[in-house]
C-alpha cells in the first residue's frame, strides 16, 4: 500500500473516530512533530508519576524479563 493510500485510509478513520482519548493522543503526537518540543510537558501528573514509579522499580531491581513472563503465563 502506497503512502497516499495509507494517508487516505487514516483520514477516513480519523473522520469517524469518536474516542476522545485517542484524538487527544493524536493531537499530542501531531504537535510534538510540529514543534519538536519535549513531550514530557504534555503528560499528566498521573502519567509522570507512573513513569517515575516504573523507573524506581527498575533501579531497585523489581523487574522481570520478557521471557520470564512468557514462561509464567504461557504466552
PDB file of N, CA and C in Angstrom:
ATOM      1  N   UNK A   1       0.856  -1.176   0.000  1.00  0.00           N
ATOM      2  CA  UNK A   1       0.000   0.000   0.000  1.00  0.00           C
ATOM      3  C   UNK A   1       0.895   1.229   0.000  1.00  0.00           C
ATOM      4  N   UNK A   2       0.657   2.136  -0.921  1.00  0.00           N
ATOM      5  CA  UNK A   2       1.453   3.351  -1.030  1.00  0.00           C
ATOM      6  C   UNK A   2       1.130   4.355   0.067  1.00  0.00           C
ATOM      7  N   UNK A   3       2.004   5.318   0.233  1.00  0.00           N
ATOM      8  CA  UNK A   3       1.822   6.339   1.265  1.00  0.00           C
ATOM      9  C   UNK A   3       0.528   7.132   1.085  1.00  0.00           C
ATOM     10  N   UNK A   4       0.175   7.438  -0.134  1.00  0.00           N
ATOM     11  CA  UNK A   4      -1.054   8.198  -0.377  1.00  0.00           C
ATOM     12  C   UNK A   4      -2.280   7.392   0.042  1.00  0.00           C
ATOM     13  N   UNK A   5      -2.276   6.099  -0.233  1.00  0.00           N
ATOM     14  CA  UNK A   5      -3.397   5.236   0.167  1.00  0.00           C
ATOM     15  C   UNK A   5      -3.499   5.155   1.677  1.00  0.00           C
ATOM     16  N   UNK A   6      -2.345   5.050   2.332  1.00  0.00           N
ATOM     17  CA  UNK A   6      -2.331   4.995   3.805  1.00  0.00           C
ATOM     18  C   UNK A   6      -2.876   6.298   4.371  1.00  0.00           C
ATOM     19  N   UNK A   7      -2.460   7.427   3.807  1.00  0.00           N
ATOM     20  CA  UNK A   7      -2.950   8.725   4.286  1.00  0.00           C
ATOM     21  C   UNK A   7      -4.467   8.825   4.142  1.00  0.00           C
ATOM     22  N   UNK A   8      -4.996   8.408   3.013  1.00  0.00           N
ATOM     23  CA  UNK A   8      -6.448   8.463   2.807  1.00  0.00           C
ATOM     24  C   UNK A   8      -7.180   7.549   3.780  1.00  0.00           C
ATOM     25  N   UNK A   9      -6.623   6.363   4.009  1.00  0.00           N
ATOM     26  CA  UNK A   9      -7.234   5.448   4.974  1.00  0.00           C
ATOM     27  C   UNK A   9      -7.252   6.052   6.365  1.00  0.00           C
ATOM     28  N   UNK A  10      -6.152   6.706   6.754  1.00  0.00           N
ATOM     29  CA  UNK A  10      -6.084   7.344   8.066  1.00  0.00           C
ATOM     30  C   UNK A  10      -7.046   8.522   8.171  1.00  0.00           C
ATOM     31  N   UNK A  11      -7.180   9.287   7.103  1.00  0.00           N
ATOM     32  CA  UNK A  11      -8.115  10.421   7.103  1.00  0.00           C
ATOM     33  C   UNK A  11      -9.544   9.921   7.305  1.00  0.00           C
ATOM     34  N   UNK A  12      -9.914   8.875   6.595  1.00  0.00           N
ATOM     35  CA  UNK A  12     -11.260   8.313   6.738  1.00  0.00           C
ATOM     36  C   UNK A  12     -11.484   7.781   8.154  1.00  0.00           C
ATOM     37  N   UNK A  13     -10.458   7.090   8.684  1.00  0.00           N
ATOM     38  CA  UNK A  13     -10.569   6.540  10.041  1.00  0.00           C
ATOM     39  C   UNK A  13     -10.709   7.666  11.060  1.00  0.00           C
ATOM     40  N   UNK A  14      -9.891   8.698  10.931  1.00  0.00           N
ATOM     41  CA  UNK A  14      -9.919   9.809  11.867  1.00  0.00           C
ATOM     42  C   UNK A  14     -11.234  10.575  11.793  1.00  0.00           C
ATOM     43  N   UNK A  15     -11.782  10.734  10.598  1.00  0.00           N
ATOM     44  CA  UNK A  15     -13.042  11.458  10.433  1.00  0.00           C
ATOM     45  C   UNK A  15     -14.194  10.768  11.169  1.00  0.00           C
ATOM     46  N   UNK A  16     -14.106   9.461  11.336  1.00  0.00           N
ATOM     47  CA  UNK A  16     -15.161   8.709  12.015  1.00  0.00           C
ATOM     48  C   UNK A  16     -14.837   8.386  13.469  1.00  0.00           C
ATOM     49  N   UNK A  17     -13.662   8.758  13.925  1.00  0.00           N
ATOM     50  CA  UNK A  17     -13.208   8.433  15.277  1.00  0.00           C
ATOM     51  C   UNK A  17     -13.988   9.231  16.317  1.00  0.00           C
ATOM     52  N   UNK A  18     -14.475   8.534  17.341  1.00  0.00           N
ATOM     53  CA  UNK A  18     -15.228   9.203  18.406  1.00  0.00           C
ATOM     54  C   UNK A  18     -14.576   9.040  19.770  1.00  0.00           C
ATOM     55  N   UNK A  19     -13.417   8.406  19.818  1.00  0.00           N
ATOM     56  CA  UNK A  19     -12.709   8.165  21.075  1.00  0.00           C
ATOM     57  C   UNK A  19     -11.876   9.400  21.431  1.00  0.00           C
ATOM     58  N   UNK A  20     -12.356  10.164  22.418  1.00  0.00           N
ATOM     59  CA  UNK A  20     -11.689  11.414  22.792  1.00  0.00           C
ATOM     60  C   UNK A  20     -10.250  11.199  23.241  1.00  0.00           C
ATOM     61  N   UNK A  21      -9.991  10.114  23.948  1.00  0.00           N
ATOM     62  CA  UNK A  21      -8.632   9.847  24.434  1.00  0.00           C
ATOM     63  C   UNK A  21      -7.667   9.638  23.261  1.00  0.00           C
ATOM     64  N   UNK A  22      -8.108   8.898  22.268  1.00  0.00           N
ATOM     65  CA  UNK A  22      -7.270   8.668  21.095  1.00  0.00           C
ATOM     66  C   UNK A  22      -7.060   9.960  20.315  1.00  0.00           C
ATOM     67  N   UNK A  23      -8.099  10.751  20.186  1.00  0.00           N
ATOM     68  CA  UNK A  23      -7.983  12.040  19.485  1.00  0.00           C
ATOM     69  C   UNK A  23      -6.990  12.944  20.213  1.00  0.00           C
ATOM     70  N   UNK A  24      -7.093  13.002  21.550  1.00  0.00           N
ATOM     71  CA  UNK A  24      -6.157  13.823  22.325  1.00  0.00           C
ATOM     72  C   UNK A  24      -4.724  13.331  22.149  1.00  0.00           C
ATOM     73  N   UNK A  25      -4.544  12.008  22.155  1.00  0.00           N
ATOM     74  CA  UNK A  25      -3.210  11.440  21.963  1.00  0.00           C
ATOM     75  C   UNK A  25      -2.648  11.807  20.589  1.00  0.00           C
ATOM     76  N   UNK A  26      -3.466  11.669  19.567  1.00  0.00           N
ATOM     77  CA  UNK A  26      -3.023  12.003  18.218  1.00  0.00           C
ATOM     78  C   UNK A  26      -2.661  13.481  18.096  1.00  0.00           C
ATOM     79  N   UNK A  27      -3.382  14.344  18.800  1.00  0.00           N
ATOM     80  CA  UNK A  27      -3.079  15.776  18.805  1.00  0.00           C
ATOM     81  C   UNK A  27      -1.706  16.025  19.416  1.00  0.00           C
ATOM     82  N   UNK A  28      -1.386  15.318  20.500  1.00  0.00           N
ATOM     83  CA  UNK A  28      -0.074  15.447  21.126  1.00  0.00           C
ATOM     84  C   UNK A  28       1.018  14.999  20.164  1.00  0.00           C
ATOM     85  N   UNK A  29       0.786  13.885  19.478  1.00  0.00           N
ATOM     86  CA  UNK A  29       1.767  13.396  18.506  1.00  0.00           C
ATOM     87  C   UNK A  29       1.979  14.431  17.408  1.00  0.00           C
ATOM     88  N   UNK A  30       0.883  14.964  16.875  1.00  0.00           N
ATOM     89  CA  UNK A  30       0.977  15.971  15.814  1.00  0.00           C
ATOM     90  C   UNK A  30       1.741  17.199  16.290  1.00  0.00           C
ATOM     91  N   UNK A  31       1.363  17.695  17.463  1.00  0.00           N
ATOM     92  CA  UNK A  31       2.011  18.901  17.987  1.00  0.00           C
ATOM     93  C   UNK A  31       3.495  18.670  18.262  1.00  0.00           C
ATOM     94  N   UNK A  32       3.843  17.492  18.741  1.00  0.00           N
ATOM     95  CA  UNK A  32       5.252  17.231  19.045  1.00  0.00           C
ATOM     96  C   UNK A  32       6.075  17.171  17.765  1.00  0.00           C
ATOM     97  N   UNK A  33       5.479  16.709  16.683  1.00  0.00           N
ATOM     98  CA  UNK A  33       6.187  16.693  15.408  1.00  0.00           C
ATOM     99  C   UNK A  33       6.301  18.089  14.816  1.00  0.00           C
ATOM    100  N   UNK A  34       5.319  18.925  15.070  1.00  0.00           N
ATOM    101  CA  UNK A  34       5.325  20.280  14.523  1.00  0.00           C
ATOM    102  C   UNK A  34       6.332  21.189  15.213  1.00  0.00           C
ATOM    103  N   UNK A  35       6.470  21.035  16.509  1.00  0.00           N
ATOM    104  CA  UNK A  35       7.273  21.979  17.273  1.00  0.00           C
ATOM    105  C   UNK A  35       8.584  21.416  17.793  1.00  0.00           C
ATOM    106  N   UNK A  36       8.746  20.094  17.722  1.00  0.00           N
ATOM    107  CA  UNK A  36       9.938  19.440  18.262  1.00  0.00           C
ATOM    108  C   UNK A  36      10.118  19.762  19.745  1.00  0.00           C
ATOM    109  N   UNK A  37       9.020  20.040  20.449  1.00  0.00           N
ATOM    110  CA  UNK A  37       9.122  20.339  21.870  1.00  0.00           C
ATOM    111  C   UNK A  37       9.155  19.031  22.659  1.00  0.00           C
ATOM    112  N   UNK A  38       9.528  19.128  23.892  1.00  0.00           N
ATOM    113  CA  UNK A  38       9.641  17.968  24.765  1.00  0.00           C
ATOM    114  C   UNK A  38       8.251  17.486  25.155  1.00  0.00           C
ATOM    115  N   UNK A  39       7.904  16.251  24.772  1.00  0.00           N
ATOM    116  CA  UNK A  39       6.584  15.701  25.047  1.00  0.00           C
ATOM    117  C   UNK A  39       6.332  15.514  26.538  1.00  0.00           C
ATOM    118  N   UNK A  40       7.364  15.505  27.356  1.00  0.00           N
ATOM    119  CA  UNK A  40       7.201  15.305  28.804  1.00  0.00           C
ATOM    120  C   UNK A  40       6.252  16.350  29.389  1.00  0.00           C
ATOM    121  N   UNK A  41       6.305  17.550  28.873  1.00  0.00           N
ATOM    122  CA  UNK A  41       5.480  18.635  29.408  1.00  0.00           C
ATOM    123  C   UNK A  41       3.996  18.452  29.082  1.00  0.00           C
ATOM    124  N   UNK A  42       3.696  17.592  28.122  1.00  0.00           N
ATOM    125  CA  UNK A  42       2.304  17.334  27.756  1.00  0.00           C
ATOM    126  C   UNK A  42       1.677  16.198  28.556  1.00  0.00           C
ATOM    127  N   UNK A  43       2.484  15.491  29.362  1.00  0.00           N
ATOM    128  CA  UNK A  43       1.958  14.387  30.158  1.00  0.00           C
ATOM    129  C   UNK A  43       1.222  14.915  31.376  1.00  0.00           C
ATOM    130  N   UNK A  44       0.251  14.133  31.822  1.00  0.00           N
ATOM    131  CA  UNK A  44      -0.454  14.488  33.053  1.00  0.00           C
ATOM    132  C   UNK A  44       0.439  14.145  34.243  1.00  0.00           C
ATOM    133  N   UNK A  45       0.103  14.692  35.406  1.00  0.00           N
ATOM    134  CA  UNK A  45       0.852  14.366  36.621  1.00  0.00           C
ATOM    135  C   UNK A  45       0.780  12.868  36.909  1.00  0.00           C
ATOM    136  N   UNK A  46      -0.370  12.265  36.633  1.00  0.00           N
ATOM    137  CA  UNK A  46      -0.538  10.824  36.850  1.00  0.00           C
ATOM    138  C   UNK A  46       0.405  10.023  35.940  1.00  0.00           C
ATOM    139  N   UNK A  47       0.531  10.430  34.691  1.00  0.00           N
ATOM    140  CA  UNK A  47       1.430   9.745  33.763  1.00  0.00           C
ATOM    141  C   UNK A  47       2.888   9.900  34.206  1.00  0.00           C
ATOM    142  N   UNK A  48       3.262  11.100  34.621  1.00  0.00           N
ATOM    143  CA  UNK A  48       4.629  11.330  35.091  1.00  0.00           C
ATOM    144  C   UNK A  48       4.915  10.501  36.335  1.00  0.00           C
ATOM    145  N   UNK A  49       3.956  10.419  37.229  1.00  0.00           N
ATOM    146  CA  UNK A  49       4.120   9.633  38.444  1.00  0.00           C
ATOM    147  C   UNK A  49       4.291   8.150  38.121  1.00  0.00           C
ATOM    148  N   UNK A  50       3.516   7.661  37.163  1.00  0.00           N
ATOM    149  CA  UNK A  50       3.632   6.261  36.752  1.00  0.00           C
ATOM    150  C   UNK A  50       4.999   5.958  36.165  1.00  0.00           C
ATOM    151  N   UNK A  51       5.527   6.864  35.376  1.00  0.00           N
ATOM    152  CA  UNK A  51       6.866   6.687  34.806  1.00  0.00           C
ATOM    153  C   UNK A  51       7.904   6.686  35.919  1.00  0.00           C
ATOM    154  N   UNK A  52       7.766   7.593  36.867  1.00  0.00           N
ATOM    155  CA  UNK A  52       8.714   7.660  37.983  1.00  0.00           C
ATOM    156  C   UNK A  52       8.685   6.367  38.796  1.00  0.00           C
ATOM    157  N   UNK A  53       7.476   5.821  39.047  1.00  0.00           N
ATOM    158  CA  UNK A  53       7.366   4.556  39.782  1.00  0.00           C
ATOM    159  C   UNK A  53       8.052   3.424  39.018  1.00  0.00           C
ATOM    160  N   UNK A  54       7.847   3.399  37.709  1.00  0.00           N
ATOM    161  CA  UNK A  54       8.475   2.365  36.888  1.00  0.00           C
ATOM    162  C   UNK A  54       9.988   2.460  36.907  1.00  0.00           C
ATOM    163  N   UNK A  55      10.513   3.671  36.804  1.00  0.00           N
ATOM    164  CA  UNK A  55      11.962   3.853  36.852  1.00  0.00           C
ATOM    165  C   UNK A  55      12.535   3.460  38.213  1.00  0.00           C
ATOM    166  N   UNK A  56      11.792   3.760  39.281  1.00  0.00           N
ATOM    167  CA  UNK A  56      12.229   3.365  40.629  1.00  0.00           C
ATOM    168  C   UNK A  56      12.252   1.845  40.743  1.00  0.00           C
ATOM    169  N   UNK A  57      11.243   1.181  40.192  1.00  0.00           N
ATOM    170  CA  UNK A  57      11.224  -0.287  40.208  1.00  0.00           C
ATOM    171  C   UNK A  57      12.450  -0.845  39.498  1.00  0.00           C
ATOM    172  N   UNK A  58      12.806  -0.274  38.361  1.00  0.00           N
ATOM    173  CA  UNK A  58      13.988  -0.729  37.620  1.00  0.00           C
ATOM    174  C   UNK A  58      15.239  -0.517  38.459  1.00  0.00           C
ATOM    175  N   UNK A  59      15.378   0.679  39.042  1.00  0.00           N
ATOM    176  CA  UNK A  59      16.552   0.989  39.855  1.00  0.00           C
ATOM    177  C   UNK A  59      16.696   0.048  41.041  1.00  0.00           C
ATOM    178  N   UNK A  60      15.569  -0.398  41.596  1.00  0.00           N
ATOM    179  CA  UNK A  60      15.584  -1.252  42.782  1.00  0.00           C
ATOM    180  C   UNK A  60      15.488  -2.742  42.436  1.00  0.00           C
ATOM    181  N   UNK A  61      15.591  -3.055  41.147  1.00  0.00           N
ATOM    182  CA  UNK A  61      15.651  -4.450  40.723  1.00  0.00           C
ATOM    183  C   UNK A  61      14.320  -5.176  40.701  1.00  0.00           C
ATOM    184  N   UNK A  62      13.229  -4.463  40.784  1.00  0.00           N
ATOM    185  CA  UNK A  62      11.903  -5.096  40.747  1.00  0.00           C
ATOM    186  C   UNK A  62      11.425  -5.188  39.302  1.00  0.00           C
ATOM    187  N   UNK A  63      12.096  -6.051  38.552  1.00  0.00           N
ATOM    188  CA  UNK A  63      11.776  -6.226  37.147  1.00  0.00           C
ATOM    189  C   UNK A  63      11.750  -7.714  36.812  1.00  0.00           C
ATOM    190  N   UNK A  64      11.079  -8.051  35.723  1.00  0.00           N
ATOM    191  CA  UNK A  64      11.019  -9.413  35.207  1.00  0.00           C
ATOM    192  C   UNK A  64      11.301  -9.344  33.714  1.00  0.00           C
ATOM    193  N   UNK A  65      12.039 -10.332  33.226  1.00  0.00           N
ATOM    194  CA  UNK A  65      12.347 -10.334  31.800  1.00  0.00           C
ATOM    195  C   UNK A  65      11.106 -10.737  31.009  1.00  0.00           C
ATOM    196  N   UNK A  66      11.119 -10.384  29.753  1.00  0.00           N
ATOM    197  CA  UNK A  66      10.034 -10.748  28.844  1.00  0.00           C
ATOM    198  C   UNK A  66       9.882 -12.262  28.802  1.00  0.00           C
ATOM    199  N   UNK A  67      11.007 -12.976  28.739  1.00  0.00           N
ATOM    200  CA  UNK A  67      10.964 -14.438  28.698  1.00  0.00           C
ATOM    201  C   UNK A  67      10.358 -15.037  29.967  1.00  0.00           C
ATOM    202  N   UNK A  68      10.654 -14.451  31.139  1.00  0.00           N
ATOM    203  CA  UNK A  68      10.053 -14.933  32.381  1.00  0.00           C
ATOM    204  C   UNK A  68       8.529 -14.832  32.349  1.00  0.00           C
ATOM    205  N   UNK A  69       8.028 -13.744  31.837  1.00  0.00           N
ATOM    206  CA  UNK A  69       6.573 -13.543  31.764  1.00  0.00           C
ATOM    207  C   UNK A  69       5.958 -14.535  30.776  1.00  0.00           C
ATOM    208  N   UNK A  70       6.606 -14.757  29.653  1.00  0.00           N
ATOM    209  CA  UNK A  70       6.109 -15.724  28.675  1.00  0.00           C
ATOM    210  C   UNK A  70       6.036 -17.112  29.304  1.00  0.00           C
ATOM    211  N   UNK A  71       7.082 -17.493  30.014  1.00  0.00           N
ATOM    212  CA  UNK A  71       7.108 -18.817  30.645  1.00  0.00           C
ATOM    213  C   UNK A  71       6.031 -18.923  31.735  1.00  0.00           C
ATOM    214  N   UNK A  72       5.867 -17.887  32.525  1.00  0.00           N
ATOM    215  CA  UNK A  72       4.918 -17.920  33.632  1.00  0.00           C
ATOM    216  C   UNK A  72       3.476 -17.989  33.138  1.00  0.00           C
ATOM    217  N   UNK A  73       3.149 -17.213  32.137  1.00  0.00           N
ATOM    218  CA  UNK A  73       1.763 -17.118  31.683  1.00  0.00           C
ATOM    219  C   UNK A  73       1.483 -17.896  30.408  1.00  0.00           C
ATOM    220  N   UNK A  74       2.485 -18.575  29.877  1.00  0.00           N
ATOM    221  CA  UNK A  74       2.274 -19.424  28.712  1.00  0.00           C
ATOM    222  C   UNK A  74       1.873 -18.687  27.459  1.00  0.00           C
ATOM    223  N   UNK A  75       2.404 -17.534  27.284  1.00  0.00           N
ATOM    224  CA  UNK A  75       2.057 -16.733  26.108  1.00  0.00           C
ATOM    225  C   UNK A  75       2.871 -17.138  24.911  1.00  0.00           C
TER     226      UNK A  75
END
